[in-house]
Amino acid sequence: SSLAASRQWSALEREARRALRLTWLVTVPATLALIAVSEPVVRLLFERGAFTPADTAAVTSVQRVLALQIPFYIANIVAVRLVSSLQE
């Protein structure tokens, strides 16, 4: 916000690129890790009498697909904050 307010456009662009790069570097491995451990996590949390192994497989599939949104969602938060700072 302070870079936008002081009209330091090159510094703002550098910071935005750095923030997005960092976002991708953190969220992509985290997402891949979540996808990898999805089944054991679902089994541990839900398969205690209420879930069958078939239910666990179904929830795991959905969780893995939805986890793919995480990097894009976090990058979108960064972009929205950038746009918001430009409008002030």
C-alpha atoms as a PDB file:
ATOM      1  CA  SER A   1       0.000   0.000   0.000  1.00  0.00           C
ATOM      2  CA  SER A   2       2.767   2.424   0.875  1.00  0.00           C
ATOM      3  CA  LEU A   3       4.508   1.777  -2.457  1.00  0.00           C
ATOM      4  CA  ALA A   4       1.272   2.432  -4.334  1.00  0.00           C
ATOM      5  CA  ALA A   5       0.549   5.554  -2.297  1.00  0.00           C
ATOM      6  CA  SER A   6       4.006   6.938  -2.995  1.00  0.00           C
ATOM      7  CA  ARG A   7       3.732   5.915  -6.663  1.00  0.00           C
ATOM      8  CA  GLN A   8       6.842   3.764  -6.630  1.00  0.00           C
ATOM      9  CA  TRP A   9       5.637   1.602  -9.489  1.00  0.00           C
ATOM     10  CA  SER A  10       8.827  -0.347 -10.201  1.00  0.00           C
ATOM     11  CA  ALA A  11       9.254  -1.245  -6.525  1.00  0.00           C
ATOM     12  CA  LEU A  12       5.585  -2.190  -6.314  1.00  0.00           C
ATOM     13  CA  GLU A  13       5.917  -4.449  -9.350  1.00  0.00           C
ATOM     14  CA  ARG A  14       9.036  -6.066  -7.873  1.00  0.00           C
ATOM     15  CA  GLU A  15       7.282  -6.710  -4.565  1.00  0.00           C
ATOM     16  CA  ALA A  16       4.172  -8.083  -6.261  1.00  0.00           C
ATOM     17  CA  ARG A  17       6.262 -10.470  -8.347  1.00  0.00           C
ATOM     18  CA  ARG A  18       8.222 -11.523  -5.254  1.00  0.00           C
ATOM     19  CA  ALA A  19       5.036 -12.138  -3.285  1.00  0.00           C
ATOM     20  CA  LEU A  20       3.503 -14.212  -6.078  1.00  0.00           C
ATOM     21  CA  ARG A  21       6.710 -16.190  -6.570  1.00  0.00           C
ATOM     22  CA  LEU A  22       6.883 -16.917  -2.843  1.00  0.00           C
ATOM     23  CA  THR A  23       3.216 -17.880  -2.848  1.00  0.00           C
ATOM     24  CA  TRP A  24       3.789 -20.431  -5.592  1.00  0.00           C
ATOM     25  CA  LEU A  25       6.991 -21.754  -4.012  1.00  0.00           C
ATOM     26  CA  VAL A  26       5.193 -22.439  -0.733  1.00  0.00           C
ATOM     27  CA  THR A  27       1.722 -23.516  -1.855  1.00  0.00           C
ATOM     28  CA  VAL A  28       2.612 -25.897  -4.692  1.00  0.00           C
ATOM     29  CA  PRO A  29       4.736 -28.220  -2.496  1.00  0.00           C
ATOM     30  CA  ALA A  30       2.175 -27.939   0.313  1.00  0.00           C
ATOM     31  CA  THR A  31      -0.589 -28.872  -2.105  1.00  0.00           C
ATOM     32  CA  LEU A  32       1.371 -31.836  -3.426  1.00  0.00           C
ATOM     33  CA  ALA A  33       2.023 -32.966   0.147  1.00  0.00           C
ATOM     34  CA  LEU A  34      -1.686 -32.693   0.977  1.00  0.00           C
ATOM     35  CA  ILE A  35      -2.555 -34.723  -2.103  1.00  0.00           C
ATOM     36  CA  ALA A  36      -0.003 -37.362  -1.110  1.00  0.00           C
ATOM     37  CA  VAL A  37      -1.272 -37.756   2.462  1.00  0.00           C
ATOM     38  CA  SER A  38      -4.935 -37.222   1.693  1.00  0.00           C
ATOM     39  CA  GLU A  39      -6.037 -40.829   2.122  1.00  0.00           C
ATOM     40  CA  PRO A  40      -4.306 -41.474   5.460  1.00  0.00           C
ATOM     41  CA  VAL A  41      -5.612 -38.174   6.838  1.00  0.00           C
ATOM     42  CA  VAL A  42      -9.209 -38.931   5.799  1.00  0.00           C
ATOM     43  CA  ARG A  43      -8.925 -42.475   7.145  1.00  0.00           C
ATOM     44  CA  LEU A  44      -7.501 -41.260  10.454  1.00  0.00           C
ATOM     45  CA  LEU A  45     -10.072 -38.502  10.949  1.00  0.00           C
ATOM     46  CA  PHE A  46     -13.263 -40.089   9.642  1.00  0.00           C
ATOM     47  CA  GLU A  47     -13.017 -43.870   9.315  1.00  0.00           C
ATOM     48  CA  ARG A  48     -13.984 -44.681  12.896  1.00  0.00           C
ATOM     49  CA  GLY A  49     -17.229 -46.492  12.348  1.00  0.00           C
ATOM     50  CA  ALA A  50     -19.091 -43.763  10.453  1.00  0.00           C
ATOM     51  CA  PHE A  51     -17.058 -44.012   7.238  1.00  0.00           C
ATOM     52  CA  THR A  52     -16.505 -47.147   5.225  1.00  0.00           C
ATOM     53  CA  PRO A  53     -13.389 -47.662   3.107  1.00  0.00           C
ATOM     54  CA  ALA A  54     -15.510 -46.741   0.058  1.00  0.00           C
ATOM     55  CA  ASP A  55     -16.505 -43.455   1.713  1.00  0.00           C
ATOM     56  CA  THR A  56     -12.861 -42.764   2.484  1.00  0.00           C
ATOM     57  CA  ALA A  57     -11.923 -43.342  -1.160  1.00  0.00           C
ATOM     58  CA  ALA A  58     -14.665 -40.988  -2.346  1.00  0.00           C
ATOM     59  CA  VAL A  59     -13.715 -38.211   0.085  1.00  0.00           C
ATOM     60  CA  THR A  60     -10.030 -38.659  -0.738  1.00  0.00           C
ATOM     61  CA  SER A  61     -10.738 -38.196  -4.458  1.00  0.00           C
ATOM     62  CA  VAL A  62     -12.720 -35.023  -3.836  1.00  0.00           C
ATOM     63  CA  GLN A  63     -10.133 -33.650  -1.408  1.00  0.00           C
ATOM     64  CA  ARG A  64      -7.306 -34.254  -3.875  1.00  0.00           C
ATOM     65  CA  VAL A  65      -9.108 -32.431  -6.670  1.00  0.00           C
ATOM     66  CA  LEU A  66     -10.104 -29.527  -4.436  1.00  0.00           C
ATOM     67  CA  ALA A  67      -6.558 -29.223  -3.080  1.00  0.00           C
ATOM     68  CA  LEU A  68      -5.445 -28.225  -6.581  1.00  0.00           C
ATOM     69  CA  GLN A  69      -7.199 -24.888  -5.992  1.00  0.00           C
ATOM     70  CA  ILE A  70      -4.965 -23.887  -3.085  1.00  0.00           C
ATOM     71  CA  PRO A  71      -2.100 -22.236  -5.018  1.00  0.00           C
ATOM     72  CA  PHE A  72      -4.536 -20.317  -7.224  1.00  0.00           C
ATOM     73  CA  TYR A  73      -6.648 -19.227  -4.257  1.00  0.00           C
ATOM     74  CA  ILE A  74      -3.662 -17.885  -2.320  1.00  0.00           C
ATOM     75  CA  ALA A  75      -2.246 -16.161  -5.430  1.00  0.00           C
ATOM     76  CA  ASN A  76      -5.657 -14.564  -5.928  1.00  0.00           C
ATOM     77  CA  ILE A  77      -5.573 -13.182  -2.384  1.00  0.00           C
ATOM     78  CA  VAL A  78      -2.213 -11.546  -3.166  1.00  0.00           C
ATOM     79  CA  ALA A  79      -3.614 -10.106  -6.414  1.00  0.00           C
ATOM     80  CA  VAL A  80      -6.736  -8.754  -4.713  1.00  0.00           C
ATOM     81  CA  ARG A  81      -4.641  -7.024  -2.053  1.00  0.00           C
ATOM     82  CA  LEU A  82      -2.500  -5.486  -4.792  1.00  0.00           C
ATOM     83  CA  VAL A  83      -5.553  -4.195  -6.640  1.00  0.00           C
ATOM     84  CA  SER A  84      -6.992  -2.903  -3.389  1.00  0.00           C
ATOM     85  CA  SER A  85      -3.808  -0.989  -2.619  1.00  0.00           C
ATOM     86  CA  LEU A  86      -3.860   0.567  -6.093  1.00  0.00           C
ATOM     87  CA  GLN A  87      -7.376   1.915  -5.571  1.00  0.00           C
ATOM     88  CA  GLU A  88      -6.565   3.809  -2.373  1.00  0.00           C
END
